[in-house]
C-alpha atoms as a PDB file:
ATOM      1  CA  MET A   1      82.265 -72.660 -16.680  1.00  0.00           C
ATOM      2  CA  THR A   2      83.109 -74.340 -13.401  1.00  0.00           C
ATOM      3  CA  THR A   3      85.040 -72.713 -10.591  1.00  0.00           C
ATOM      4  CA  GLU A   4      87.944 -75.067 -11.307  1.00  0.00           C
ATOM      5  CA  GLN A   5      88.077 -73.900 -14.935  1.00  0.00           C
ATOM      6  CA  GLN A   6      88.010 -70.265 -13.838  1.00  0.00           C
ATOM      7  CA  GLN A   7      90.885 -70.870 -11.430  1.00  0.00           C
ATOM      8  CA  ARG A   8      92.961 -72.407 -14.224  1.00  0.00           C
ATOM      9  CA  GLN A   9      92.258 -69.488 -16.567  1.00  0.00           C
ATOM     10  CA  GLU A  10      92.699 -66.608 -14.136  1.00  0.00           C
ATOM     11  CA  PRO A  11      95.719 -66.514 -11.869  1.00  0.00           C
ATOM     12  CA  ALA A  12      94.743 -65.966  -8.254  1.00  0.00           C
ATOM     13  CA  GLN A  13      95.218 -62.432  -7.020  1.00  0.00           C
ATOM     14  CA  PRO A  14      97.874 -62.140  -4.358  1.00  0.00           C
ATOM     15  CA  THR A  15      97.048 -61.026  -0.863  1.00  0.00           C
ATOM     16  CA  PHE A  16      97.946 -57.457   0.032  1.00  0.00           C
ATOM     17  CA  GLU A  17     100.937 -58.735   1.990  1.00  0.00           C
ATOM     18  CA  GLU A  18     102.182 -60.876  -0.916  1.00  0.00           C
ATOM     19  CA  ALA A  19     101.827 -57.987  -3.356  1.00  0.00           C
ATOM     20  CA  LEU A  20     103.640 -55.598  -1.024  1.00  0.00           C
ATOM     21  CA  ALA A  21     106.490 -58.076  -0.494  1.00  0.00           C
ATOM     22  CA  ARG A  22     106.856 -58.549  -4.261  1.00  0.00           C
ATOM     23  CA  LEU A  23     106.819 -54.783  -4.765  1.00  0.00           C
ATOM     24  CA  GLU A  24     109.576 -54.372  -2.165  1.00  0.00           C
ATOM     25  CA  THR A  25     111.636 -57.048  -3.951  1.00  0.00           C
ATOM     26  CA  LEU A  26     111.199 -55.278  -7.290  1.00  0.00           C
ATOM     27  CA  VAL A  27     112.235 -51.935  -5.801  1.00  0.00           C
ATOM     28  CA  ALA A  28     115.370 -53.512  -4.320  1.00  0.00           C
ATOM     29  CA  GLN A  29     116.225 -55.086  -7.684  1.00  0.00           C
ATOM     30  CA  LEU A  30     115.743 -51.791  -9.500  1.00  0.00           C
ATOM     31  CA  GLU A  31     117.774 -49.877  -6.927  1.00  0.00           C
ATOM     32  CA  SER A  32     120.627 -52.393  -7.127  1.00  0.00           C
ATOM     33  CA  GLY A  33     121.267 -51.438 -10.752  1.00  0.00           C
ATOM     34  CA  GLY A  34     121.962 -55.050 -11.702  1.00  0.00           C
ATOM     35  CA  LEU A  35     119.114 -55.444 -14.184  1.00  0.00           C
ATOM     36  CA  THR A  36     119.301 -54.962 -17.916  1.00  0.00           C
ATOM     37  CA  LEU A  37     117.203 -52.205 -19.441  1.00  0.00           C
ATOM     38  CA  GLU A  38     114.579 -54.728 -20.585  1.00  0.00           C
ATOM     39  CA  GLN A  39     114.485 -56.394 -17.149  1.00  0.00           C
ATOM     40  CA  SER A  40     114.215 -52.969 -15.520  1.00  0.00           C
ATOM     41  CA  MET A  41     111.285 -52.011 -17.744  1.00  0.00           C
ATOM     42  CA  LEU A  42     109.477 -55.278 -16.980  1.00  0.00           C
ATOM     43  CA  ALA A  43     110.130 -54.872 -13.252  1.00  0.00           C
ATOM     44  CA  PHE A  44     108.876 -51.282 -13.388  1.00  0.00           C
ATOM     45  CA  GLU A  45     105.678 -52.312 -15.203  1.00  0.00           C
ATOM     46  CA  GLU A  46     105.009 -55.096 -12.706  1.00  0.00           C
ATOM     47  CA  GLY A  47     105.725 -52.694  -9.863  1.00  0.00           C
ATOM     48  CA  MET A  48     103.211 -50.187 -11.198  1.00  0.00           C
ATOM     49  CA  ARG A  49     100.541 -52.908 -11.386  1.00  0.00           C
ATOM     50  CA  LEU A  50     101.337 -54.023  -7.836  1.00  0.00           C
ATOM     51  CA  ASN A  51     101.246 -50.421  -6.629  1.00  0.00           C
ATOM     52  CA  ALA A  52      97.779 -49.956  -8.113  1.00  0.00           C
ATOM     53  CA  PHE A  53      96.626 -53.233  -6.547  1.00  0.00           C
ATOM     54  CA  CYS A  54      97.971 -52.297  -3.093  1.00  0.00           C
ATOM     55  CA  SER A  55      96.541 -48.772  -3.328  1.00  0.00           C
ATOM     56  CA  ALA A  56      93.109 -50.161  -4.176  1.00  0.00           C
ATOM     57  CA  ARG A  57      93.195 -52.594  -1.240  1.00  0.00           C
ATOM     58  CA  LEU A  58      94.201 -49.793   1.131  1.00  0.00           C
ATOM     59  CA  ALA A  59      91.373 -47.594  -0.181  1.00  0.00           C
ATOM     60  CA  GLU A  60      88.921 -50.435   0.410  1.00  0.00           C
ATOM     61  CA  ALA A  61      90.159 -50.892   3.972  1.00  0.00           C
ATOM     62  CA  GLU A  62      89.904 -47.165   4.640  1.00  0.00           C
ATOM     63  CA  THR A  63      86.328 -47.091   3.369  1.00  0.00           C
ATOM     64  CA  ARG A  64      85.365 -50.042   5.569  1.00  0.00           C
ATOM     65  CA  ILE A  65      86.893 -48.356   8.615  1.00  0.00           C
ATOM     66  CA  GLU A  66      85.090 -45.084   7.871  1.00  0.00           C
ATOM     67  CA  ARG A  67      81.779 -46.896   7.612  1.00  0.00           C
ATOM     68  CA  LEU A  68      82.331 -48.705  10.898  1.00  0.00           C
ATOM     69  CA  VAL A  69      83.342 -45.511  12.687  1.00  0.00           C
ATOM     70  CA  ARG A  70      80.357 -43.612  11.296  1.00  0.00           C
ATOM     71  CA  SER A  71      77.986 -46.383  12.387  1.00  0.00           C
ATOM     72  CA  ARG A  72      79.528 -46.502  15.835  1.00  0.00           C
ATOM     73  CA  GLU A  73      79.062 -42.740  16.300  1.00  0.00           C
ATOM     74  CA  SER A  74      75.342 -43.212  15.767  1.00  0.00           C
ATOM     75  CA  GLY A  75      75.301 -45.926  18.414  1.00  0.00           C
ATOM     76  CA  GLU A  76      75.086 -48.827  16.023  1.00  0.00           C
ATOM     77  CA  LEU A  77      77.982 -50.951  14.868  1.00  0.00           C
ATOM     78  CA  SER A  78      77.348 -52.448  11.475  1.00  0.00           C
ATOM     79  CA  TRP A  79      79.229 -53.483   8.382  1.00  0.00           C
ATOM     80  CA  GLU A  80      78.202 -52.771   4.822  1.00  0.00           C
ATOM     81  CA  PRO A  81      79.664 -54.505   1.787  1.00  0.00           C
ATOM     82  CA  MET A  82      81.783 -52.166  -0.274  1.00  0.00           C
ATOM     83  CA  ASN A  83      81.182 -51.276  -3.895  1.00  0.00           C
ATOM     84  CA  VAL A  84      84.457 -49.757  -5.052  1.00  0.00           C
ATOM     85  CA  PRO A  85      84.562 -49.100  -8.781  1.00  0.00           C
ATOM     86  CA  GLN A  86      87.455 -50.796 -10.568  1.00  0.00           C
ATOM     87  CA  GLN A  87      90.038 -48.575 -12.194  1.00  0.00           C
ATOM     88  CA  PRO A  88      90.123 -48.945 -15.987  1.00  0.00           C
ATOM     89  CA  SER A  89      93.606 -50.511 -15.866  1.00  0.00           C
ATOM     90  CA  GLN A  90      92.343 -53.260 -13.533  1.00  0.00           C
ATOM     91  CA  GLN A  91      89.382 -54.324 -15.629  1.00  0.00           C
ATOM     92  CA  SER A  92      90.090 -57.229 -17.965  1.00  0.00           C
END
C-alpha cells in the first residue's frame, strides 16, 4: 500500500493545538445547552476522544522534557526517541 493510499484511508491526526481548539469548541457547545440529546452525546464522545489524544501528547512531551533534563544533569544533552505504549482505546 502506498503512502497516498494510506492517507486516503486514515484521516490525518490533528495537531495538539487543533485538537485542543476543537475540544474547547465542543465544551462551549455543550455548556450552551443548545444541542439535542443525540448531538450532546456525539459531542461528548468526540470530546472524550480528543481529551485522550491531548493527554497522550502532553505525556509524551513531559517524558521528552524529563529525558532532556536528566541528560543535562549528567553533563550531556541528548534526545532519545520515545516509546509510549498506546492506550487500548487508541489502537485501531
